[in-house]
Structures are given as structure tokens and as C-alpha cells.
Amino acid sequence: MAIAEFTVLPVVEESKVNGIVEKAIQVVIDSGLKYEVEPNGTTIEGDLDELLDVIKKAHIVARDAGSGRVITIIKIDDKVSGITMLEKIKKFRKEV
């Protein structure tokens, strides 16, 4: 189990950025992987190959959605025994 945080940055006019980013996020939603959309990126959890595949698809969708150039930044936490998003953040979450 691995965790990847990534940001898709379409190189377009500011008025077009949100629509393109939303299409990239839809790729994540459609993947069925556990995810969290955050202000500056999206975190996904699963098998490393699955994560990389989803990130690649999101990048391509953004590029093909009207951005001829896309920069994608990726951070990966891959632990042999497995790691989850909840493990990394649970001590910082308040009980509701």
C-alpha cells in the first residue's frame, strides 16, 4: 500500500484552470481509489502501480482538455508493510 499526493498544473489562462483541474480530479473519483482533495493537491491511496496509472491519466486528461502544457508534481510514500492516509494524519484529526 502506498500514498501519493499530486498536483496537476495546467499552463493556461487563469480563467480555464479550475475547469481543467476538475476534469483531472474526476479521473481520481472514477478510479475507485481512496482519495482526498485538498487545497493544493490530491492524495490517493492504493497499490503503487494503480496510483501512478491514475496520476498519468489525470495528467493526460488535463493536457487534452485544452491545456497544451501541463506540469504534474508527485510525492510518493511507499512503505513495504503498507501505509494509509489515516495512519499518517489520525493524531491531527479532532474527534467529531
PDB file of N, CA and C in Angstrom:
ATOM      1  N   MET A   1       0.862  -1.175   0.000  1.00  0.00           N
ATOM      2  CA  MET A   1       0.000   0.000   0.000  1.00  0.00           C
ATOM      3  C   MET A   1       0.900   1.227   0.000  1.00  0.00           C
ATOM      4  N   ALA A   2       0.547   2.182  -0.829  1.00  0.00           N
ATOM      5  CA  ALA A   2       1.303   3.418  -0.947  1.00  0.00           C
ATOM      6  C   ALA A   2       0.336   4.601  -0.932  1.00  0.00           C
ATOM      7  N   ILE A   3       0.901   5.769  -0.737  1.00  0.00           N
ATOM      8  CA  ILE A   3       0.151   7.022  -0.778  1.00  0.00           C
ATOM      9  C   ILE A   3       0.876   7.945  -1.755  1.00  0.00           C
ATOM     10  N   ALA A   4       0.118   8.631  -2.588  1.00  0.00           N
ATOM     11  CA  ALA A   4       0.712   9.617  -3.485  1.00  0.00           C
ATOM     12  C   ALA A   4      -0.091  10.904  -3.398  1.00  0.00           C
ATOM     13  N   GLU A   5       0.618  11.994  -3.271  1.00  0.00           N
ATOM     14  CA  GLU A   5      -0.003  13.313  -3.361  1.00  0.00           C
ATOM     15  C   GLU A   5       0.478  13.916  -4.672  1.00  0.00           C
ATOM     16  N   PHE A   6      -0.466  14.468  -5.428  1.00  0.00           N
ATOM     17  CA  PHE A   6      -0.057  15.071  -6.685  1.00  0.00           C
ATOM     18  C   PHE A   6      -0.859  16.320  -6.984  1.00  0.00           C
ATOM     19  N   THR A   7      -0.250  17.160  -7.793  1.00  0.00           N
ATOM     20  CA  THR A   7      -0.868  18.401  -8.232  1.00  0.00           C
ATOM     21  C   THR A   7      -0.717  18.499  -9.740  1.00  0.00           C
ATOM     22  N   VAL A   8      -1.829  18.711 -10.415  1.00  0.00           N
ATOM     23  CA  VAL A   8      -1.830  18.912 -11.859  1.00  0.00           C
ATOM     24  C   VAL A   8      -1.943  20.409 -12.100  1.00  0.00           C
ATOM     25  N   LEU A   9      -0.974  20.956 -12.786  1.00  0.00           N
ATOM     26  CA  LEU A   9      -0.928  22.397 -13.044  1.00  0.00           C
ATOM     27  C   LEU A   9      -1.019  22.657 -14.547  1.00  0.00           C
ATOM     28  N   PRO A  10      -2.235  22.955 -15.041  1.00  0.00           N
ATOM     29  CA  PRO A  10      -2.364  23.292 -16.461  1.00  0.00           C
ATOM     30  C   PRO A  10      -1.745  24.666 -16.722  1.00  0.00           C
ATOM     31  N   VAL A  11      -0.987  24.783 -17.762  1.00  0.00           N
ATOM     32  CA  VAL A  11      -0.385  26.057 -18.127  1.00  0.00           C
ATOM     33  C   VAL A  11      -1.326  26.724 -19.133  1.00  0.00           C
ATOM     34  N   VAL A  12      -2.309  27.443 -18.584  1.00  0.00           N
ATOM     35  CA  VAL A  12      -3.333  28.127 -19.381  1.00  0.00           C
ATOM     36  C   VAL A  12      -3.707  29.424 -18.681  1.00  0.00           C
ATOM     37  N   GLU A  13      -4.601  30.181 -19.300  1.00  0.00           N
ATOM     38  CA  GLU A  13      -5.109  31.391 -18.665  1.00  0.00           C
ATOM     39  C   GLU A  13      -5.836  31.010 -17.382  1.00  0.00           C
ATOM     40  N   GLU A  14      -5.764  31.876 -16.407  1.00  0.00           N
ATOM     41  CA  GLU A  14      -6.329  31.588 -15.085  1.00  0.00           C
ATOM     42  C   GLU A  14      -7.804  31.200 -15.144  1.00  0.00           C
ATOM     43  N   SER A  15      -8.560  31.792 -16.044  1.00  0.00           N
ATOM     44  CA  SER A  15      -9.993  31.510 -16.125  1.00  0.00           C
ATOM     45  C   SER A  15     -10.305  30.069 -16.539  1.00  0.00           C
ATOM     46  N   LYS A  16      -9.328  29.363 -17.113  1.00  0.00           N
ATOM     47  CA  LYS A  16      -9.550  27.992 -17.577  1.00  0.00           C
ATOM     48  C   LYS A  16      -9.026  26.931 -16.605  1.00  0.00           C
ATOM     49  N   VAL A  17      -8.232  27.336 -15.626  1.00  0.00           N
ATOM     50  CA  VAL A  17      -7.562  26.380 -14.744  1.00  0.00           C
ATOM     51  C   VAL A  17      -8.547  25.490 -13.996  1.00  0.00           C
ATOM     52  N   ASN A  18      -9.542  26.072 -13.329  1.00  0.00           N
ATOM     53  CA  ASN A  18     -10.451  25.278 -12.494  1.00  0.00           C
ATOM     54  C   ASN A  18     -11.185  24.198 -13.278  1.00  0.00           C
ATOM     55  N   GLY A  19     -11.665  24.514 -14.452  1.00  0.00           N
ATOM     56  CA  GLY A  19     -12.386  23.531 -15.254  1.00  0.00           C
ATOM     57  C   GLY A  19     -11.499  22.357 -15.643  1.00  0.00           C
ATOM     58  N   ILE A  20     -10.253  22.652 -15.980  1.00  0.00           N
ATOM     59  CA  ILE A  20      -9.325  21.590 -16.362  1.00  0.00           C
ATOM     60  C   ILE A  20      -8.950  20.744 -15.154  1.00  0.00           C
ATOM     61  N   VAL A  21      -8.693  21.380 -14.029  1.00  0.00           N
ATOM     62  CA  VAL A  21      -8.349  20.650 -12.802  1.00  0.00           C
ATOM     63  C   VAL A  21      -9.518  19.758 -12.374  1.00  0.00           C
ATOM     64  N   GLU A  22     -10.741  20.236 -12.507  1.00  0.00           N
ATOM     65  CA  GLU A  22     -11.910  19.424 -12.157  1.00  0.00           C
ATOM     66  C   GLU A  22     -11.972  18.144 -13.000  1.00  0.00           C
ATOM     67  N   LYS A  23     -11.589  18.229 -14.254  1.00  0.00           N
ATOM     68  CA  LYS A  23     -11.571  17.033 -15.104  1.00  0.00           C
ATOM     69  C   LYS A  23     -10.505  16.047 -14.623  1.00  0.00           C
ATOM     70  N   ALA A  24      -9.374  16.558 -14.192  1.00  0.00           N
ATOM     71  CA  ALA A  24      -8.322  15.686 -13.657  1.00  0.00           C
ATOM     72  C   ALA A  24      -8.779  15.026 -12.356  1.00  0.00           C
ATOM     73  N   ILE A  25      -9.473  15.769 -11.504  1.00  0.00           N
ATOM     74  CA  ILE A  25      -9.986  15.202 -10.250  1.00  0.00           C
ATOM     75  C   ILE A  25     -11.042  14.144 -10.534  1.00  0.00           C
ATOM     76  N   GLN A  26     -11.821  14.324 -11.583  1.00  0.00           N
ATOM     77  CA  GLN A  26     -12.835  13.320 -11.930  1.00  0.00           C
ATOM     78  C   GLN A  26     -12.183  11.978 -12.254  1.00  0.00           C
ATOM     79  N   VAL A  27     -10.998  12.004 -12.830  1.00  0.00           N
ATOM     80  CA  VAL A  27     -10.253  10.762 -13.091  1.00  0.00           C
ATOM     81  C   VAL A  27      -9.996  10.034 -11.777  1.00  0.00           C
ATOM     82  N   VAL A  28      -9.636  10.775 -10.750  1.00  0.00           N
ATOM     83  CA  VAL A  28      -9.385  10.194  -9.423  1.00  0.00           C
ATOM     84  C   VAL A  28     -10.674   9.607  -8.854  1.00  0.00           C
ATOM     85  N   ILE A  29     -11.741  10.358  -8.936  1.00  0.00           N
ATOM     86  CA  ILE A  29     -13.037   9.892  -8.426  1.00  0.00           C
ATOM     87  C   ILE A  29     -13.449   8.601  -9.135  1.00  0.00           C
ATOM     88  N   ASP A  30     -13.315   8.594 -10.436  1.00  0.00           N
ATOM     89  CA  ASP A  30     -13.712   7.429 -11.237  1.00  0.00           C
ATOM     90  C   ASP A  30     -12.821   6.210 -10.999  1.00  0.00           C
ATOM     91  N   SER A  31     -11.635   6.414 -10.446  1.00  0.00           N
ATOM     92  CA  SER A  31     -10.695   5.310 -10.242  1.00  0.00           C
ATOM     93  C   SER A  31     -11.149   4.332  -9.164  1.00  0.00           C
ATOM     94  N   GLY A  32     -11.964   4.803  -8.232  1.00  0.00           N
ATOM     95  CA  GLY A  32     -12.404   3.958  -7.134  1.00  0.00           C
ATOM     96  C   GLY A  32     -11.404   3.886  -5.985  1.00  0.00           C
ATOM     97  N   LEU A  33     -10.250   4.538  -6.126  1.00  0.00           N
ATOM     98  CA  LEU A  33      -9.267   4.558  -5.055  1.00  0.00           C
ATOM     99  C   LEU A  33      -9.711   5.503  -3.945  1.00  0.00           C
ATOM    100  N   LYS A  34      -9.219   5.266  -2.748  1.00  0.00           N
ATOM    101  CA  LYS A  34      -9.465   6.192  -1.648  1.00  0.00           C
ATOM    102  C   LYS A  34      -8.684   7.470  -1.962  1.00  0.00           C
ATOM    103  N   TYR A  35      -9.328   8.617  -1.765  1.00  0.00           N
ATOM    104  CA  TYR A  35      -8.684   9.887  -2.102  1.00  0.00           C
ATOM    105  C   TYR A  35      -9.156  11.008  -1.188  1.00  0.00           C
ATOM    106  N   GLU A  36      -8.375  12.069  -1.156  1.00  0.00           N
ATOM    107  CA  GLU A  36      -8.758  13.319  -0.501  1.00  0.00           C
ATOM    108  C   GLU A  36      -8.313  14.456  -1.403  1.00  0.00           C
ATOM    109  N   VAL A  37      -9.261  15.330  -1.737  1.00  0.00           N
ATOM    110  CA  VAL A  37      -8.928  16.531  -2.496  1.00  0.00           C
ATOM    111  C   VAL A  37      -8.618  17.615  -1.480  1.00  0.00           C
ATOM    112  N   GLU A  38      -7.477  18.233  -1.654  1.00  0.00           N
ATOM    113  CA  GLU A  38      -7.002  19.258  -0.730  1.00  0.00           C
ATOM    114  C   GLU A  38      -6.798  20.554  -1.495  1.00  0.00           C
ATOM    115  N   PRO A  39      -6.583  21.665  -0.798  1.00  0.00           N
ATOM    116  CA  PRO A  39      -6.453  22.946  -1.496  1.00  0.00           C
ATOM    117  C   PRO A  39      -5.340  22.999  -2.544  1.00  0.00           C
ATOM    118  N   ASN A  40      -4.237  22.317  -2.296  1.00  0.00           N
ATOM    119  CA  ASN A  40      -3.099  22.409  -3.209  1.00  0.00           C
ATOM    120  C   ASN A  40      -2.728  21.096  -3.871  1.00  0.00           C
ATOM    121  N   GLY A  41      -3.620  20.124  -3.827  1.00  0.00           N
ATOM    122  CA  GLY A  41      -3.319  18.847  -4.450  1.00  0.00           C
ATOM    123  C   GLY A  41      -4.327  17.788  -4.047  1.00  0.00           C
ATOM    124  N   THR A  42      -4.100  16.584  -4.528  1.00  0.00           N
ATOM    125  CA  THR A  42      -4.974  15.457  -4.238  1.00  0.00           C
ATOM    126  C   THR A  42      -4.105  14.309  -3.745  1.00  0.00           C
ATOM    127  N   THR A  43      -4.580  13.617  -2.701  1.00  0.00           N
ATOM    128  CA  THR A  43      -3.871  12.462  -2.170  1.00  0.00           C
ATOM    129  C   THR A  43      -4.691  11.218  -2.473  1.00  0.00           C
ATOM    130  N   ILE A  44      -4.005  10.174  -2.961  1.00  0.00           N
ATOM    131  CA  ILE A  44      -4.663   8.911  -3.262  1.00  0.00           C
ATOM    132  C   ILE A  44      -3.895   7.774  -2.585  1.00  0.00           C
ATOM    133  N   GLU A  45      -4.629   6.683  -2.329  1.00  0.00           N
ATOM    134  CA  GLU A  45      -4.061   5.558  -1.588  1.00  0.00           C
ATOM    135  C   GLU A  45      -4.329   4.268  -2.349  1.00  0.00           C
ATOM    136  N   GLY A  46      -3.320   3.399  -2.433  1.00  0.00           N
ATOM    137  CA  GLY A  46      -3.512   2.119  -3.101  1.00  0.00           C
ATOM    138  C   GLY A  46      -2.190   1.497  -3.517  1.00  0.00           C
ATOM    139  N   ASP A  47      -2.258   0.551  -4.417  1.00  0.00           N
ATOM    140  CA  ASP A  47      -1.080  -0.089  -4.981  1.00  0.00           C
ATOM    141  C   ASP A  47      -0.303   0.943  -5.802  1.00  0.00           C
ATOM    142  N   LEU A  48       1.006   0.927  -5.700  1.00  0.00           N
ATOM    143  CA  LEU A  48       1.827   1.928  -6.376  1.00  0.00           C
ATOM    144  C   LEU A  48       1.543   2.003  -7.878  1.00  0.00           C
ATOM    145  N   ASP A  49       1.424   0.866  -8.535  1.00  0.00           N
ATOM    146  CA  ASP A  49       1.147   0.886  -9.979  1.00  0.00           C
ATOM    147  C   ASP A  49      -0.193   1.545 -10.283  1.00  0.00           C
ATOM    148  N   GLU A  50      -1.197   1.273  -9.445  1.00  0.00           N
ATOM    149  CA  GLU A  50      -2.515   1.907  -9.632  1.00  0.00           C
ATOM    150  C   GLU A  50      -2.410   3.417  -9.470  1.00  0.00           C
ATOM    151  N   LEU A  51      -1.673   3.845  -8.438  1.00  0.00           N
ATOM    152  CA  LEU A  51      -1.528   5.281  -8.189  1.00  0.00           C
ATOM    153  C   LEU A  51      -0.877   5.977  -9.372  1.00  0.00           C
ATOM    154  N   LEU A  52       0.203   5.401  -9.855  1.00  0.00           N
ATOM    155  CA  LEU A  52       0.909   6.007 -10.980  1.00  0.00           C
ATOM    156  C   LEU A  52       0.045   6.042 -12.239  1.00  0.00           C
ATOM    157  N   ASP A  53      -0.764   5.010 -12.429  1.00  0.00           N
ATOM    158  CA  ASP A  53      -1.665   4.965 -13.577  1.00  0.00           C
ATOM    159  C   ASP A  53      -2.713   6.079 -13.492  1.00  0.00           C
ATOM    160  N   VAL A  54      -3.298   6.277 -12.324  1.00  0.00           N
ATOM    161  CA  VAL A  54      -4.305   7.326 -12.137  1.00  0.00           C
ATOM    162  C   VAL A  54      -3.686   8.705 -12.336  1.00  0.00           C
ATOM    163  N   ILE A  55      -2.506   8.907 -11.792  1.00  0.00           N
ATOM    164  CA  ILE A  55      -1.835  10.205 -11.946  1.00  0.00           C
ATOM    165  C   ILE A  55      -1.539  10.470 -13.424  1.00  0.00           C
ATOM    166  N   LYS A  56      -1.073   9.458 -14.130  1.00  0.00           N
ATOM    167  CA  LYS A  56      -0.800   9.619 -15.568  1.00  0.00           C
ATOM    168  C   LYS A  56      -2.079   9.970 -16.322  1.00  0.00           C
ATOM    169  N   LYS A  57      -3.179   9.274 -16.017  1.00  0.00           N
ATOM    170  CA  LYS A  57      -4.454   9.561 -16.690  1.00  0.00           C
ATOM    171  C   LYS A  57      -4.925  10.987 -16.391  1.00  0.00           C
ATOM    172  N   ALA A  58      -4.793  11.415 -15.132  1.00  0.00           N
ATOM    173  CA  ALA A  58      -5.203  12.779 -14.764  1.00  0.00           C
ATOM    174  C   ALA A  58      -4.362  13.810 -15.519  1.00  0.00           C
ATOM    175  N   HIS A  59      -3.087  13.552 -15.638  1.00  0.00           N
ATOM    176  CA  HIS A  59      -2.186  14.441 -16.371  1.00  0.00           C
ATOM    177  C   HIS A  59      -2.611  14.548 -17.841  1.00  0.00           C
ATOM    178  N   ILE A  60      -2.871  13.407 -18.462  1.00  0.00           N
ATOM    179  CA  ILE A  60      -3.254  13.384 -19.875  1.00  0.00           C
ATOM    180  C   ILE A  60      -4.610  14.046 -20.094  1.00  0.00           C
ATOM    181  N   VAL A  61      -5.564  13.800 -19.196  1.00  0.00           N
ATOM    182  CA  VAL A  61      -6.881  14.437 -19.306  1.00  0.00           C
ATOM    183  C   VAL A  61      -6.727  15.954 -19.242  1.00  0.00           C
ATOM    184  N   ALA A  62      -5.900  16.438 -18.330  1.00  0.00           N
ATOM    185  CA  ALA A  62      -5.689  17.885 -18.216  1.00  0.00           C
ATOM    186  C   ALA A  62      -5.052  18.432 -19.487  1.00  0.00           C
ATOM    187  N   ARG A  63      -4.079  17.732 -20.012  1.00  0.00           N
ATOM    188  CA  ARG A  63      -3.417  18.180 -21.239  1.00  0.00           C
ATOM    189  C   ARG A  63      -4.386  18.218 -22.410  1.00  0.00           C
ATOM    190  N   ASP A  64      -5.228  17.191 -22.499  1.00  0.00           N
ATOM    191  CA  ASP A  64      -6.149  17.088 -23.627  1.00  0.00           C
ATOM    192  C   ASP A  64      -7.415  17.932 -23.459  1.00  0.00           C
ATOM    193  N   ALA A  65      -7.596  18.519 -22.275  1.00  0.00           N
ATOM    194  CA  ALA A  65      -8.799  19.321 -22.008  1.00  0.00           C
ATOM    195  C   ALA A  65      -8.591  20.797 -22.347  1.00  0.00           C
ATOM    196  N   GLY A  66      -7.570  21.091 -23.107  1.00  0.00           N
ATOM    197  CA  GLY A  66      -7.381  22.469 -23.523  1.00  0.00           C
ATOM    198  C   GLY A  66      -6.097  23.089 -23.030  1.00  0.00           C
ATOM    199  N   SER A  67      -5.294  22.311 -22.343  1.00  0.00           N
ATOM    200  CA  SER A  67      -4.004  22.811 -21.896  1.00  0.00           C
ATOM    201  C   SER A  67      -2.927  22.079 -22.676  1.00  0.00           C
ATOM    202  N   GLY A  68      -2.292  22.754 -23.567  1.00  0.00           N
ATOM    203  CA  GLY A  68      -1.254  22.118 -24.372  1.00  0.00           C
ATOM    204  C   GLY A  68      -0.024  21.767 -23.562  1.00  0.00           C
ATOM    205  N   ARG A  69       0.053  22.343 -22.355  1.00  0.00           N
ATOM    206  CA  ARG A  69       1.183  22.065 -21.471  1.00  0.00           C
ATOM    207  C   ARG A  69       0.661  21.876 -20.055  1.00  0.00           C
ATOM    208  N   VAL A  70       1.133  20.818 -19.389  1.00  0.00           N
ATOM    209  CA  VAL A  70       0.722  20.518 -18.014  1.00  0.00           C
ATOM    210  C   VAL A  70       1.962  20.136 -17.219  1.00  0.00           C
ATOM    211  N   ILE A  71       2.046  20.658 -16.021  1.00  0.00           N
ATOM    212  CA  ILE A  71       3.104  20.276 -15.095  1.00  0.00           C
ATOM    213  C   ILE A  71       2.432  19.503 -13.969  1.00  0.00           C
ATOM    214  N   THR A  72       2.905  18.292 -13.690  1.00  0.00           N
ATOM    215  CA  THR A  72       2.353  17.486 -12.609  1.00  0.00           C
ATOM    216  C   THR A  72       3.462  17.203 -11.602  1.00  0.00           C
ATOM    217  N   ILE A  73       3.181  17.536 -10.350  1.00  0.00           N
ATOM    218  CA  ILE A  73       4.132  17.327  -9.256  1.00  0.00           C
ATOM    219  C   ILE A  73       3.630  16.161  -8.424  1.00  0.00           C
ATOM    220  N   ILE A  74       4.517  15.204  -8.118  1.00  0.00           N
ATOM    221  CA  ILE A  74       4.124  13.982  -7.413  1.00  0.00           C
ATOM    222  C   ILE A  74       5.023  13.752  -6.201  1.00  0.00           C
ATOM    223  N   LYS A  75       4.397  13.390  -5.062  1.00  0.00           N
ATOM    224  CA  LYS A  75       5.125  12.911  -3.882  1.00  0.00           C
ATOM    225  C   LYS A  75       4.561  11.541  -3.546  1.00  0.00           C
ATOM    226  N   ILE A  76       5.442  10.557  -3.327  1.00  0.00           N
ATOM    227  CA  ILE A  76       5.007   9.193  -3.047  1.00  0.00           C
ATOM    228  C   ILE A  76       5.586   8.719  -1.726  1.00  0.00           C
ATOM    229  N   ASP A  77       4.741   8.105  -0.904  1.00  0.00           N
ATOM    230  CA  ASP A  77       5.167   7.431   0.319  1.00  0.00           C
ATOM    231  C   ASP A  77       4.829   5.961   0.126  1.00  0.00           C
ATOM    232  N   ASP A  78       5.844   5.134  -0.038  1.00  0.00           N
ATOM    233  CA  ASP A  78       5.660   3.719  -0.343  1.00  0.00           C
ATOM    234  C   ASP A  78       6.377   2.907   0.734  1.00  0.00           C
ATOM    235  N   LYS A  79       5.608   2.276   1.601  1.00  0.00           N
ATOM    236  CA  LYS A  79       6.161   1.517   2.720  1.00  0.00           C
ATOM    237  C   LYS A  79       5.926   0.028   2.474  1.00  0.00           C
ATOM    238  N   VAL A  80       6.973  -0.785   2.625  1.00  0.00           N
ATOM    239  CA  VAL A  80       6.879  -2.220   2.345  1.00  0.00           C
ATOM    240  C   VAL A  80       5.732  -2.862   3.111  1.00  0.00           C
ATOM    241  N   SER A  81       5.565  -2.513   4.383  1.00  0.00           N
ATOM    242  CA  SER A  81       4.490  -3.106   5.188  1.00  0.00           C
ATOM    243  C   SER A  81       3.152  -2.418   4.967  1.00  0.00           C
ATOM    244  N   GLY A  82       3.133  -1.378   4.159  1.00  0.00           N
ATOM    245  CA  GLY A  82       1.897  -0.655   3.857  1.00  0.00           C
ATOM    246  C   GLY A  82       1.725   0.578   4.723  1.00  0.00           C
ATOM    247  N   ILE A  83       1.050   1.552   4.172  1.00  0.00           N
ATOM    248  CA  ILE A  83       0.765   2.804   4.883  1.00  0.00           C
ATOM    249  C   ILE A  83      -0.557   3.338   4.358  1.00  0.00           C
ATOM    250  N   THR A  84      -1.327   3.958   5.239  1.00  0.00           N
ATOM    251  CA  THR A  84      -2.590   4.558   4.822  1.00  0.00           C
ATOM    252  C   THR A  84      -2.576   6.049   5.130  1.00  0.00           C
ATOM    253  N   MET A  85      -3.482   6.763   4.482  1.00  0.00           N
ATOM    254  CA  MET A  85      -3.600   8.192   4.753  1.00  0.00           C
ATOM    255  C   MET A  85      -3.981   8.410   6.212  1.00  0.00           C
ATOM    256  N   LEU A  86      -4.909   7.603   6.709  1.00  0.00           N
ATOM    257  CA  LEU A  86      -5.379   7.762   8.079  1.00  0.00           C
ATOM    258  C   LEU A  86      -4.247   7.566   9.088  1.00  0.00           C
ATOM    259  N   GLU A  87      -3.395   6.589   8.871  1.00  0.00           N
ATOM    260  CA  GLU A  87      -2.265   6.378   9.774  1.00  0.00           C
ATOM    261  C   GLU A  87      -1.414   7.632   9.906  1.00  0.00           C
ATOM    262  N   LYS A  88      -1.227   8.323   8.810  1.00  0.00           N
ATOM    263  CA  LYS A  88      -0.347   9.485   8.812  1.00  0.00           C
ATOM    264  C   LYS A  88      -0.971  10.721   9.451  1.00  0.00           C
ATOM    265  N   ILE A  89      -2.304  10.792   9.471  1.00  0.00           N
ATOM    266  CA  ILE A  89      -2.933  12.030   9.946  1.00  0.00           C
ATOM    267  C   ILE A  89      -3.815  11.885  11.168  1.00  0.00           C
ATOM    268  N   LYS A  90      -4.082  10.655  11.622  1.00  0.00           N
ATOM    269  CA  LYS A  90      -5.097  10.453  12.657  1.00  0.00           C
ATOM    270  C   LYS A  90      -4.822  11.230  13.931  1.00  0.00           C
ATOM    271  N   LYS A  91      -3.579  11.402  14.326  1.00  0.00           N
ATOM    272  CA  LYS A  91      -3.311  12.126  15.564  1.00  0.00           C
ATOM    273  C   LYS A  91      -3.583  13.635  15.432  1.00  0.00           C
ATOM    274  N   PHE A  92      -3.753  14.091  14.204  1.00  0.00           N
ATOM    275  CA  PHE A  92      -4.027  15.504  13.994  1.00  0.00           C
ATOM    276  C   PHE A  92      -5.496  15.820  13.757  1.00  0.00           C
ATOM    277  N   ARG A  93      -6.319  14.793  13.663  1.00  0.00           N
ATOM    278  CA  ARG A  93      -7.750  14.962  13.433  1.00  0.00           C
ATOM    279  C   ARG A  93      -8.484  15.015  14.759  1.00  0.00           C
ATOM    280  N   LYS A  94      -9.386  15.955  14.889  1.00  0.00           N
ATOM    281  CA  LYS A  94     -10.223  16.060  16.081  1.00  0.00           C
ATOM    282  C   LYS A  94     -11.391  15.094  15.948  1.00  0.00           C
ATOM    283  N   GLU A  95     -11.765  14.493  17.041  1.00  0.00           N
ATOM    284  CA  GLU A  95     -12.967  13.644  17.049  1.00  0.00           C
ATOM    285  C   GLU A  95     -14.177  14.538  16.920  1.00  0.00           C
ATOM    286  N   VAL A  96     -15.143  14.135  16.116  1.00  0.00           N
ATOM    287  CA  VAL A  96     -16.345  14.939  15.893  1.00  0.00           C
ATOM    288  C   VAL A  96     -17.479  14.392  16.719  1.00  0.00           C
TER     289      VAL A  96
END
